[in-house]
C-alpha atoms as a PDB file:
ATOM      1  CA  MET A   1     -40.777  45.853 -26.118  1.00  0.00           C
ATOM      2  CA  ASP A   2     -39.802  49.509 -26.991  1.00  0.00           C
ATOM      3  CA  PHE A   3     -36.360  51.098 -26.751  1.00  0.00           C
ATOM      4  CA  PHE A   4     -34.349  54.559 -26.980  1.00  0.00           C
ATOM      5  CA  ILE A   5     -32.966  55.127 -29.610  1.00  0.00           C
ATOM      6  CA  ASP A   6     -30.298  58.630 -30.240  1.00  0.00           C
ATOM      7  CA  GLU A   7     -27.945  59.220 -32.957  1.00  0.00           C
ATOM      8  CA  ASP A   8     -25.334  57.160 -31.070  1.00  0.00           C
ATOM      9  CA  MET A   9     -27.695  54.674 -30.476  1.00  0.00           C
ATOM     10  CA  ALA A  10     -28.672  54.432 -34.148  1.00  0.00           C
ATOM     11  CA  TYR A  11     -24.895  54.055 -35.104  1.00  0.00           C
ATOM     12  CA  LEU A  12     -24.318  51.212 -32.303  1.00  0.00           C
ATOM     13  CA  PHE A  13     -27.686  48.997 -33.652  1.00  0.00           C
ATOM     14  CA  GLY A  14     -26.440  49.751 -37.279  1.00  0.00           C
ATOM     15  CA  LEU A  15     -22.891  48.079 -36.808  1.00  0.00           C
ATOM     16  CA  ILE A  16     -24.747  45.313 -34.487  1.00  0.00           C
ATOM     17  CA  THR A  17     -27.339  44.334 -37.596  1.00  0.00           C
ATOM     18  CA  GLY A  18     -24.635  44.659 -39.836  1.00  0.00           C
ATOM     19  CA  ARG A  19     -22.440  42.558 -38.133  1.00  0.00           C
ATOM     20  CA  GLY A  20     -22.858  41.608 -34.749  1.00  0.00           C
ATOM     21  CA  THR A  21     -23.121  38.696 -32.389  1.00  0.00           C
ATOM     22  CA  ILE A  22     -24.773  39.282 -29.131  1.00  0.00           C
ATOM     23  CA  LYS A  23     -23.484  36.577 -26.210  1.00  0.00           C
ATOM     24  CA  ASP A  24     -24.356  36.342 -23.055  1.00  0.00           C
ATOM     25  CA  SER A  25     -22.974  32.643 -20.764  1.00  0.00           C
ATOM     26  CA  GLY A  26     -22.123  32.719 -17.308  1.00  0.00           C
ATOM     27  CA  GLY A  27     -23.078  35.862 -16.333  1.00  0.00           C
ATOM     28  CA  LEU A  28     -20.976  37.649 -19.140  1.00  0.00           C
ATOM     29  CA  LYS A  29     -23.134  39.491 -21.564  1.00  0.00           C
ATOM     30  CA  GLN A  30     -20.436  40.597 -24.852  1.00  0.00           C
ATOM     31  CA  ILE A  31     -21.588  42.328 -28.072  1.00  0.00           C
ATOM     32  CA  ILE A  32     -18.757  41.494 -30.833  1.00  0.00           C
ATOM     33  CA  ILE A  33     -18.611  43.807 -33.874  1.00  0.00           C
ATOM     34  CA  SER A  34     -16.525  42.345 -36.706  1.00  0.00           C
ATOM     35  CA  PHE A  35     -14.818  45.155 -38.940  1.00  0.00           C
ATOM     36  CA  PRO A  36     -13.934  42.756 -41.945  1.00  0.00           C
ATOM     37  CA  TYR A  37     -11.128  43.414 -44.513  1.00  0.00           C
ATOM     38  CA  LYS A  38     -11.111  41.760 -47.545  1.00  0.00           C
ATOM     39  CA  SER A  39      -7.092  42.534 -48.350  1.00  0.00           C
ATOM     40  CA  LEU A  40      -4.078  44.191 -47.145  1.00  0.00           C
ATOM     41  CA  GLU A  41      -5.025  47.374 -49.620  1.00  0.00           C
ATOM     42  CA  ALA A  42      -7.609  49.324 -50.103  1.00  0.00           C
ATOM     43  CA  THR A  43      -7.346  50.904 -53.436  1.00  0.00           C
ATOM     44  CA  GLY A  44      -9.645  53.891 -54.834  1.00  0.00           C
ATOM     45  CA  ILE A  45      -9.077  55.732 -58.652  1.00  0.00           C
ATOM     46  CA  LYS A  46      -5.403  56.719 -57.561  1.00  0.00           C
ATOM     47  CA  LYS A  47      -5.640  56.452 -53.525  1.00  0.00           C
ATOM     48  CA  CYS A  48      -4.378  53.317 -51.863  1.00  0.00           C
ATOM     49  CA  PHE A  49      -4.480  52.302 -48.701  1.00  0.00           C
ATOM     50  CA  ASN A  50      -3.137  49.784 -45.983  1.00  0.00           C
ATOM     51  CA  GLN A  51      -6.255  48.768 -45.065  1.00  0.00           C
ATOM     52  CA  LYS A  52      -5.715  47.033 -41.818  1.00  0.00           C
ATOM     53  CA  ASP A  53      -3.348  50.264 -40.613  1.00  0.00           C
ATOM     54  CA  LYS A  54      -6.044  52.573 -41.522  1.00  0.00           C
ATOM     55  CA  LEU A  55      -8.783  50.776 -39.975  1.00  0.00           C
ATOM     56  CA  LEU A  56      -7.487  50.678 -36.613  1.00  0.00           C
ATOM     57  CA  ILE A  57      -6.959  54.403 -36.388  1.00  0.00           C
ATOM     58  CA  SER A  58     -10.473  55.016 -37.319  1.00  0.00           C
ATOM     59  CA  LEU A  59     -11.535  52.357 -34.885  1.00  0.00           C
ATOM     60  CA  ASP A  60     -10.276  54.493 -32.158  1.00  0.00           C
ATOM     61  CA  ASP A  61     -13.179  57.503 -32.587  1.00  0.00           C
ATOM     62  CA  ILE A  62     -15.441  54.579 -33.088  1.00  0.00           C
ATOM     63  CA  VAL A  63     -13.769  53.059 -29.710  1.00  0.00           C
ATOM     64  CA  ASN A  64     -14.168  55.914 -27.914  1.00  0.00           C
ATOM     65  CA  ARG A  65     -17.767  56.900 -28.680  1.00  0.00           C
ATOM     66  CA  ILE A  66     -19.178  53.529 -27.990  1.00  0.00           C
ATOM     67  CA  GLY A  67     -17.399  53.837 -25.033  1.00  0.00           C
ATOM     68  CA  GLU A  68     -19.335  57.365 -23.645  1.00  0.00           C
ATOM     69  CA  LEU A  69     -22.270  55.174 -24.354  1.00  0.00           C
ATOM     70  CA  VAL A  70     -22.074  51.783 -22.673  1.00  0.00           C
ATOM     71  CA  GLY A  71     -20.311  53.308 -20.093  1.00  0.00           C
ATOM     72  CA  GLU A  72     -17.952  50.841 -20.577  1.00  0.00           C
ATOM     73  CA  SER A  73     -14.285  50.832 -22.474  1.00  0.00           C
ATOM     74  CA  PRO A  74     -14.589  48.071 -25.285  1.00  0.00           C
ATOM     75  CA  ARG A  75     -11.517  45.878 -26.385  1.00  0.00           C
ATOM     76  CA  LYS A  76     -10.316  46.315 -29.788  1.00  0.00           C
ATOM     77  CA  ILE A  77      -9.082  42.874 -31.064  1.00  0.00           C
ATOM     78  CA  PRO A  78      -7.101  42.918 -34.210  1.00  0.00           C
ATOM     79  CA  GLY A  79      -7.091  39.245 -36.167  1.00  0.00           C
ATOM     80  CA  GLU A  80      -5.640  38.253 -39.952  1.00  0.00           C
ATOM     81  CA  THR A  81      -9.080  39.481 -42.047  1.00  0.00           C
ATOM     82  CA  SER A  82     -11.317  41.493 -39.373  1.00  0.00           C
ATOM     83  CA  VAL A  83     -10.702  43.956 -36.332  1.00  0.00           C
ATOM     84  CA  ASP A  84     -13.131  43.064 -33.624  1.00  0.00           C
ATOM     85  CA  ILE A  85     -14.720  45.372 -31.133  1.00  0.00           C
ATOM     86  CA  ILE A  86     -15.936  43.790 -28.312  1.00  0.00           C
ATOM     87  CA  ILE A  87     -18.221  45.252 -25.285  1.00  0.00           C
ATOM     88  CA  ASP A  88     -18.499  43.256 -21.828  1.00  0.00           C
ATOM     89  CA  SER A  89     -20.912  43.351 -19.450  1.00  0.00           C
ATOM     90  CA  HIS A  90     -21.447  41.685 -16.286  1.00  0.00           C
ATOM     91  CA  LYS A  91     -25.026  43.679 -15.581  1.00  0.00           C
ATOM     92  CA  ASN A  92     -28.225  43.532 -17.637  1.00  0.00           C
ATOM     93  CA  SER A  93     -27.989  47.415 -17.675  1.00  0.00           C
ATOM     94  CA  LEU A  94     -30.527  49.773 -20.065  1.00  0.00           C
ATOM     95  CA  LEU A  95     -28.256  48.968 -22.745  1.00  0.00           C
ATOM     96  CA  TRP A  96     -28.875  45.630 -23.015  1.00  0.00           C
ATOM     97  CA  ARG A  97     -32.395  45.560 -22.533  1.00  0.00           C
ATOM     98  CA  ASN A  98     -32.367  48.251 -25.254  1.00  0.00           C
ATOM     99  CA  VAL A  99     -30.324  45.963 -27.446  1.00  0.00           C
ATOM    100  CA  ASN A 100     -32.144  43.646 -27.168  1.00  0.00           C
ATOM    101  CA  ALA A 101     -35.906  45.835 -27.941  1.00  0.00           C
ATOM    102  CA  PHE A 102     -34.242  46.572 -30.666  1.00  0.00           C
ATOM    103  CA  THR A 103     -32.549  42.916 -32.381  1.00  0.00           C
ATOM    104  CA  GLN A 104     -36.186  41.665 -30.827  1.00  0.00           C
ATOM    105  CA  LYS A 105     -33.950  38.871 -29.197  1.00  0.00           C
ATOM    106  CA  LYS A 106     -32.486  38.023 -32.013  1.00  0.00           C
ATOM    107  CA  LYS A 107     -28.573  37.013 -31.673  1.00  0.00           C
ATOM    108  CA  SER A 108     -26.820  37.507 -34.673  1.00  0.00           C
ATOM    109  CA  PHE A 109     -26.222  39.347 -37.897  1.00  0.00           C
ATOM    110  CA  MET A 110     -27.153  36.108 -39.954  1.00  0.00           C
ATOM    111  CA  ASP A 111     -30.835  37.118 -38.870  1.00  0.00           C
ATOM    112  CA  ILE A 112     -30.820  40.362 -37.128  1.00  0.00           C
ATOM    113  CA  GLU A 113     -33.371  42.585 -39.193  1.00  0.00           C
ATOM    114  CA  ILE A 114     -34.093  45.723 -39.248  1.00  0.00           C
ATOM    115  CA  HIS A 115     -36.521  46.827 -36.266  1.00  0.00           C
ATOM    116  CA  PRO A 116     -39.912  48.764 -37.646  1.00  0.00           C
ATOM    117  CA  LYS A 117     -39.007  51.731 -35.703  1.00  0.00           C
ATOM    118  CA  ILE A 118     -36.362  52.532 -37.698  1.00  0.00           C
ATOM    119  CA  PHE A 119     -38.068  53.122 -41.304  1.00  0.00           C
ATOM    120  CA  ASP A 120     -40.294  55.683 -39.316  1.00  0.00           C
ATOM    121  CA  ALA A 121     -37.198  57.453 -37.776  1.00  0.00           C
ATOM    122  CA  THR A 122     -35.962  60.844 -38.272  1.00  0.00           C
ATOM    123  CA  GLU A 123     -33.319  61.548 -41.012  1.00  0.00           C
ATOM    124  CA  VAL A 124     -30.479  61.907 -38.788  1.00  0.00           C
ATOM    125  CA  ILE A 125     -31.392  58.753 -36.920  1.00  0.00           C
ATOM    126  CA  LYS A 126     -31.718  56.893 -40.828  1.00  0.00           C
ATOM    127  CA  LYS A 127     -28.252  58.037 -41.471  1.00  0.00           C
ATOM    128  CA  GLU A 128     -26.458  56.590 -38.631  1.00  0.00           C
ATOM    129  CA  PHE A 129     -27.993  53.441 -38.753  1.00  0.00           C
ATOM    130  CA  ILE A 130     -27.240  53.239 -42.322  1.00  0.00           C
ATOM    131  CA  ARG A 131     -23.759  54.528 -41.319  1.00  0.00           C
ATOM    132  CA  GLY A 132     -23.403  51.789 -38.896  1.00  0.00           C
ATOM    133  CA  ILE A 133     -24.424  48.783 -41.316  1.00  0.00           C
ATOM    134  CA  ALA A 134     -22.264  50.388 -44.165  1.00  0.00           C
ATOM    135  CA  ASP A 135     -18.629  50.744 -41.730  1.00  0.00           C
ATOM    136  CA  VAL A 136     -18.915  47.118 -41.456  1.00  0.00           C
ATOM    137  CA  THR A 137     -20.336  45.531 -44.697  1.00  0.00           C
ATOM    138  CA  ALA A 138     -19.578  48.061 -47.254  1.00  0.00           C
ATOM    139  CA  TYR A 139     -16.858  48.117 -49.614  1.00  0.00           C
ATOM    140  CA  ALA A 140     -15.298  51.206 -51.606  1.00  0.00           C
ATOM    141  CA  ARG A 141     -13.089  50.163 -54.364  1.00  0.00           C
ATOM    142  CA  SER A 142     -12.130  51.185 -57.876  1.00  0.00           C
ATOM    143  CA  GLY A 143     -13.042  47.385 -58.880  1.00  0.00           C
ATOM    144  CA  ASN A 144     -16.874  47.556 -58.376  1.00  0.00           C
ATOM    145  CA  VAL A 145     -17.768  49.199 -61.681  1.00  0.00           C
ATOM    146  CA  PHE A 146     -20.824  49.379 -63.832  1.00  0.00           C
ATOM    147  CA  THR A 147     -20.777  48.625 -67.476  1.00  0.00           C
ATOM    148  CA  ASP A 148     -20.849  52.007 -68.248  1.00  0.00           C
ATOM    149  CA  GLY A 149     -18.095  52.691 -65.799  1.00  0.00           C
ATOM    150  CA  ARG A 150     -19.834  54.288 -63.087  1.00  0.00           C
ATOM    151  CA  HIS A 151     -18.005  53.481 -59.769  1.00  0.00           C
ATOM    152  CA  ARG A 152     -19.877  51.556 -57.422  1.00  0.00           C
ATOM    153  CA  ILE A 153     -20.054  50.878 -53.822  1.00  0.00           C
ATOM    154  CA  TYR A 154     -21.392  47.753 -52.333  1.00  0.00           C
ATOM    155  CA  PHE A 155     -22.898  46.319 -49.223  1.00  0.00           C
ATOM    156  CA  GLU A 156     -22.141  42.505 -48.276  1.00  0.00           C
ATOM    157  CA  ILE A 157     -25.123  40.891 -46.583  1.00  0.00           C
ATOM    158  CA  HIS A 158     -24.860  37.197 -45.086  1.00  0.00           C
ATOM    159  CA  ASN A 159     -26.037  34.506 -47.706  1.00  0.00           C
ATOM    160  CA  ALA A 160     -28.271  33.240 -44.408  1.00  0.00           C
ATOM    161  CA  ASN A 161     -29.602  36.806 -43.832  1.00  0.00           C
ATOM    162  CA  TRP A 162     -32.591  36.843 -46.693  1.00  0.00           C
ATOM    163  CA  LYS A 163     -34.711  39.916 -45.399  1.00  0.00           C
ATOM    164  CA  MET A 164     -31.599  42.186 -44.890  1.00  0.00           C
ATOM    165  CA  PRO A 165     -30.820  43.287 -48.688  1.00  0.00           C
ATOM    166  CA  VAL A 166     -34.754  43.972 -49.774  1.00  0.00           C
ATOM    167  CA  HIS A 167     -35.513  45.990 -46.023  1.00  0.00           C
ATOM    168  CA  LEU A 168     -31.885  47.533 -46.372  1.00  0.00           C
ATOM    169  CA  CYS A 169     -32.753  48.469 -50.029  1.00  0.00           C
ATOM    170  CA  THR A 170     -36.399  50.015 -48.417  1.00  0.00           C
ATOM    171  CA  LEU A 171     -34.659  52.145 -45.994  1.00  0.00           C
ATOM    172  CA  LEU A 172     -31.814  53.306 -48.593  1.00  0.00           C
ATOM    173  CA  GLN A 173     -34.430  54.516 -50.921  1.00  0.00           C
ATOM    174  CA  SER A 174     -37.402  55.805 -48.035  1.00  0.00           C
ATOM    175  CA  GLU A 175     -37.771  59.352 -48.067  1.00  0.00           C
ATOM    176  CA  PRO A 176     -36.129  61.718 -47.169  1.00  0.00           C
ATOM    177  CA  LEU A 177     -33.005  60.067 -48.274  1.00  0.00           C
ATOM    178  CA  CYS A 178     -34.198  58.878 -51.566  1.00  0.00           C
ATOM    179  CA  ILE A 179     -31.092  56.999 -52.230  1.00  0.00           C
ATOM    180  CA  PRO A 180     -31.218  54.920 -55.314  1.00  0.00           C
ATOM    181  CA  VAL A 181     -29.975  51.157 -54.722  1.00  0.00           C
ATOM    182  CA  GLN A 182     -28.903  49.913 -58.549  1.00  0.00           C
ATOM    183  CA  THR A 183     -29.212  46.315 -58.227  1.00  0.00           C
ATOM    184  CA  ILE A 184     -29.245  43.598 -55.541  1.00  0.00           C
ATOM    185  CA  ASP A 185     -26.781  40.510 -56.647  1.00  0.00           C
ATOM    186  CA  TRP A 186     -28.406  37.701 -54.780  1.00  0.00           C
ATOM    187  CA  GLY A 187     -26.578  34.945 -53.351  1.00  0.00           C
ATOM    188  CA  HIS A 188     -29.235  32.795 -55.256  1.00  0.00           C
ATOM    189  CA  PRO A 189     -28.427  29.986 -57.885  1.00  0.00           C
ATOM    190  CA  ASN A 190     -30.331  31.514 -60.581  1.00  0.00           C
ATOM    191  CA  ILE A 191     -28.967  34.855 -60.280  1.00  0.00           C
ATOM    192  CA  ARG A 192     -25.433  34.036 -59.132  1.00  0.00           C
ATOM    193  CA  ASN A 193     -24.969  30.932 -60.995  1.00  0.00           C
ATOM    194  CA  GLY A 194     -27.588  30.928 -63.724  1.00  0.00           C
ATOM    195  CA  TYR A 195     -26.429  28.749 -66.094  1.00  0.00           C
ATOM    196  CA  ALA A 196     -25.049  26.129 -63.345  1.00  0.00           C
ATOM    197  CA  LYS A 197     -21.240  26.042 -64.521  1.00  0.00           C
ATOM    198  CA  GLU A 198     -19.997  26.349 -61.145  1.00  0.00           C
ATOM    199  CA  TYR A 199     -22.462  23.301 -60.264  1.00  0.00           C
ATOM    200  CA  GLU A 200     -21.791  21.221 -63.217  1.00  0.00           C
ATOM    201  CA  ALA A 201     -17.947  21.828 -62.045  1.00  0.00           C
ATOM    202  CA  GLY A 202     -18.578  20.541 -58.594  1.00  0.00           C
ATOM    203  CA  LYS A 203     -18.822  23.373 -56.775  1.00  0.00           C
ATOM    204  CA  LYS A 204     -22.629  22.779 -55.733  1.00  0.00           C
ATOM    205  CA  ILE A 205     -22.915  25.575 -53.546  1.00  0.00           C
ATOM    206  CA  GLY A 206     -20.894  28.062 -54.916  1.00  0.00           C
ATOM    207  CA  TRP A 207     -24.062  30.251 -55.416  1.00  0.00           C
ATOM    208  CA  SER A 208     -24.745  30.508 -52.028  1.00  0.00           C
ATOM    209  CA  ARG A 209     -22.150  33.358 -51.323  1.00  0.00           C
ATOM    210  CA  GLU A 210     -22.939  37.010 -49.857  1.00  0.00           C
ATOM    211  CA  HIS A 211     -25.750  38.915 -50.780  1.00  0.00           C
ATOM    212  CA  GLN A 212     -24.540  42.162 -52.535  1.00  0.00           C
ATOM    213  CA  LEU A 213     -26.501  45.484 -52.851  1.00  0.00           C
ATOM    214  CA  LYS A 214     -25.042  47.836 -54.754  1.00  0.00           C
ATOM    215  CA  VAL A 215     -24.938  52.156 -55.080  1.00  0.00           C
ATOM    216  CA  PHE A 216     -23.711  54.751 -57.463  1.00  0.00           C
ATOM    217  CA  ALA A 217     -20.618  55.951 -54.827  1.00  0.00           C
ATOM    218  CA  GLU A 218     -22.447  60.122 -55.778  1.00  0.00           C
ATOM    219  CA  TYR A 219     -25.616  59.053 -54.047  1.00  0.00           C
ATOM    220  CA  PHE A 220     -24.326  57.414 -51.117  1.00  0.00           C
ATOM    221  CA  GLU A 221     -21.404  60.087 -50.204  1.00  0.00           C
ATOM    222  CA  SER A 222     -24.416  61.846 -48.394  1.00  0.00           C
ATOM    223  CA  ILE A 223     -24.860  59.120 -45.844  1.00  0.00           C
ATOM    224  CA  GLY A 224     -21.032  58.218 -46.545  1.00  0.00           C
ATOM    225  CA  PHE A 225     -18.886  56.228 -44.344  1.00  0.00           C
ATOM    226  CA  ARG A 226     -17.294  56.488 -40.332  1.00  0.00           C
ATOM    227  CA  ILE A 227     -14.242  54.427 -41.393  1.00  0.00           C
ATOM    228  CA  GLU A 228     -11.579  57.421 -43.144  1.00  0.00           C
ATOM    229  CA  HIS A 229     -10.027  55.563 -46.058  1.00  0.00           C
ATOM    230  CA  LYS A 230     -13.519  54.506 -47.217  1.00  0.00           C
ATOM    231  CA  ASN A 231     -14.756  57.788 -47.055  1.00  0.00           C
ATOM    232  CA  GLU A 232     -11.595  58.849 -48.987  1.00  0.00           C
ATOM    233  CA  ILE A 233     -12.104  56.657 -51.759  1.00  0.00           C
ATOM    234  CA  LEU A 234     -15.895  57.258 -51.693  1.00  0.00           C
ATOM    235  CA  LYS A 235     -15.145  60.629 -52.698  1.00  0.00           C
ATOM    236  CA  GLU A 236     -12.883  60.411 -54.921  1.00  0.00           C
ATOM    237  CA  MET A 237     -15.429  57.949 -56.850  1.00  0.00           C
ATOM    238  CA  ALA A 238     -18.333  60.425 -56.782  1.00  0.00           C
ATOM    239  CA  ASP A 239     -15.958  63.283 -58.247  1.00  0.00           C
ATOM    240  CA  PHE A 240     -15.367  60.881 -61.064  1.00  0.00           C
ATOM    241  CA  ASN A 241     -19.056  59.671 -61.767  1.00  0.00           C
ATOM    242  CA  ARG A 242     -20.264  63.480 -61.107  1.00  0.00           C
ATOM    243  CA  SER A 243     -17.221  64.675 -64.171  1.00  0.00           C
ATOM    244  CA  LYS A 244     -17.444  61.856 -66.557  1.00  0.00           C
ATOM    245  CA  TYR A 245     -21.504  61.902 -66.401  1.00  0.00           C
ATOM    246  CA  PRO A 246     -23.094  64.615 -65.245  1.00  0.00           C
ATOM    247  CA  ASP A 247     -26.202  64.075 -67.553  1.00  0.00           C
ATOM    248  CA  ARG A 248     -27.353  61.218 -65.195  1.00  0.00           C
ATOM    249  CA  LYS A 249     -30.238  61.630 -63.058  1.00  0.00           C
ATOM    250  CA  PRO A 250     -31.164  59.309 -59.550  1.00  0.00           C
ATOM    251  CA  LYS A 251     -34.422  57.418 -59.877  1.00  0.00           C
ATOM    252  CA  LEU A 252     -35.513  55.258 -57.550  1.00  0.00           C
ATOM    253  CA  CYS A 253     -35.630  51.846 -58.037  1.00  0.00           C
ATOM    254  CA  SER A 254     -39.234  50.670 -59.502  1.00  0.00           C
ATOM    255  CA  PRO A 255     -40.012  47.307 -60.427  1.00  0.00           C
ATOM    256  CA  PRO A 256     -41.680  45.084 -62.129  1.00  0.00           C
ATOM    257  CA  LYS A 257     -39.099  45.666 -65.330  1.00  0.00           C
ATOM    258  CA  GLN A 258     -38.968  43.910 -68.455  1.00  0.00           C
ATOM    259  CA  ILE A 259     -36.984  40.328 -68.740  1.00  0.00           C
ATOM    260  CA  ARG A 260     -33.820  40.998 -70.782  1.00  0.00           C
ATOM    261  CA  LYS A 261     -32.871  37.143 -70.853  1.00  0.00           C
ATOM    262  CA  ARG A 262     -34.377  33.596 -69.523  1.00  0.00           C
ATOM    263  CA  ARG A 263     -32.062  31.516 -67.719  1.00  0.00           C
ATOM    264  CA  ILE A 264     -31.953  27.613 -67.721  1.00  0.00           C
ATOM    265  CA  SER A 265     -33.544  25.970 -64.193  1.00  0.00           C
ATOM    266  CA  HIS A 266     -30.991  24.849 -61.667  1.00  0.00           C
ATOM    267  CA  PRO A 267     -30.715  21.808 -60.232  1.00  0.00           C
ATOM    268  CA  GLU A 268     -29.769  24.033 -56.595  1.00  0.00           C
ATOM    269  CA  GLU A 269     -33.276  25.643 -56.836  1.00  0.00           C
ATOM    270  CA  GLN A 270     -34.506  23.134 -54.296  1.00  0.00           C
ATOM    271  CA  SER A 271     -32.176  24.077 -52.250  1.00  0.00           C
ATOM    272  CA  ASN A 272     -32.777  23.754 -48.068  1.00  0.00           C
ATOM    273  CA  ARG A 273     -30.331  26.823 -48.027  1.00  0.00           C
ATOM    274  CA  LEU A 274     -33.140  29.440 -49.808  1.00  0.00           C
ATOM    275  CA  PRO A 275     -35.959  30.442 -47.768  1.00  0.00           C
ATOM    276  CA  ASP A 276     -39.525  29.018 -47.777  1.00  0.00           C
ATOM    277  CA  GLU A 277     -40.468  31.780 -49.755  1.00  0.00           C
ATOM    278  CA  LEU A 278     -37.745  31.107 -52.670  1.00  0.00           C
ATOM    279  CA  ARG A 279     -37.494  27.566 -52.394  1.00  0.00           C
ATOM    280  CA  GLY A 280     -38.764  25.094 -55.558  1.00  0.00           C
ATOM    281  CA  LYS A 281     -38.702  28.502 -57.368  1.00  0.00           C
ATOM    282  CA  HIS A 282     -37.341  29.394 -60.922  1.00  0.00           C
ATOM    283  CA  PHE A 283     -36.003  33.187 -61.374  1.00  0.00           C
ATOM    284  CA  ASP A 284     -35.070  35.192 -64.112  1.00  0.00           C
ATOM    285  CA  THR A 285     -33.802  38.446 -62.612  1.00  0.00           C
ATOM    286  CA  TYR A 286     -33.319  39.711 -59.418  1.00  0.00           C
ATOM    287  CA  TRP A 287     -35.964  42.043 -58.766  1.00  0.00           C
ATOM    288  CA  GLN A 288     -38.262  39.338 -58.985  1.00  0.00           C
ATOM    289  CA  VAL A 289     -36.642  37.814 -55.801  1.00  0.00           C
ATOM    290  CA  CYS A 290     -37.056  41.181 -54.063  1.00  0.00           C
ATOM    291  CA  LYS A 291     -40.916  40.574 -55.037  1.00  0.00           C
ATOM    292  CA  GLU A 292     -41.169  37.167 -53.251  1.00  0.00           C
ATOM    293  CA  LEU A 293     -39.253  38.682 -50.042  1.00  0.00           C
ATOM    294  CA  GLY A 294     -41.793  41.532 -49.681  1.00  0.00           C
ATOM    295  CA  CYS A 295     -40.317  44.401 -51.349  1.00  0.00           C
ATOM    296  CA  VAL A 296     -42.462  47.098 -51.050  1.00  0.00           C
ATOM    297  CA  ARG A 297     -42.071  49.163 -53.824  1.00  0.00           C
ATOM    298  CA  TYR A 298     -42.607  46.319 -56.327  1.00  0.00           C
ATOM    299  CA  ASP A 299     -46.088  47.393 -57.511  1.00  0.00           C
ATOM    300  CA  LYS A 300     -45.912  50.851 -56.769  1.00  0.00           C
ATOM    301  CA  ASN A 301     -44.593  52.568 -59.924  1.00  0.00           C
ATOM    302  CA  LYS A 302     -44.489  50.599 -63.003  1.00  0.00           C
ATOM    303  CA  ILE A 303     -42.190  51.998 -65.563  1.00  0.00           C
ATOM    304  CA  THR A 304     -40.256  50.740 -68.763  1.00  0.00           C
ATOM    305  CA  LEU A 305     -37.023  48.993 -68.470  1.00  0.00           C
ATOM    306  CA  GLU A 306     -36.001  51.937 -70.857  1.00  0.00           C
ATOM    307  CA  GLU A 307     -36.641  54.565 -68.103  1.00  0.00           C
ATOM    308  CA  ASN A 308     -35.061  52.816 -65.777  1.00  0.00           C
ATOM    309  CA  ASP A 309     -31.816  52.531 -67.228  1.00  0.00           C
ATOM    310  CA  GLU A 310     -30.918  56.273 -65.708  1.00  0.00           C
ATOM    311  CA  ILE A 311     -30.636  54.533 -62.019  1.00  0.00           C
END
């Protein structure tokens, strides 16, 4: 089944892919999109915002944009840890058929994948789609820095959706965007809890938190956010990175690389929380997980670890 896509629809598809839930019961159709916030304050290098208040203001424009697209005014529902936008309809309109075609009839961000058509889309469509995902899953905050001091934004992807990090990574690095991904912090026992300390302390599934895909701020600035306070912090961090590290050159991820440290085996390597591609296997580094989950860049370019350190 094919679907129609323009800039507005691409953004909506991104929101649904990132934090959308689709319901169809008793003749009432609903799309629920959650805009989560982890704490009351969003803190940049110098900037600080009341996250809930700023989010509610930014969502007015997003609600209006979605309303023009769907022909009905969505509801905005504030909560303690998120603000939800809810689209209601009693009609099986073109919009709903379009959404079902894009999601391939999947109903939750926990298993929705990026449709293959997005990878062949125009630059504008790709950017709007990623911006939609970023507005509901990505965070810009000063605490997320690399070991050398550079600031990053990071996408949080639900642990149940193992294909999404690789697909999003591939899309970001595709032409003409060419936005390098610095790393994927997988919610996997070898990666998140490689030495089993949490397991030994009784937190047997402490590793199964969200996957985090990380991008240096200055590289993501070409996409940015529609959530105003996130975009302001992103700009602040990007300016800092450029001023403090002017000689850093962006390089796309090109595994395989060398393995710096071997990790011990973890008792949760057999966990049913892992997908079939990973269950029963041991990993020493994040890009090995990417390879097993179908990374298309894995064998295309082989460079040394020292070269790739410039990412």
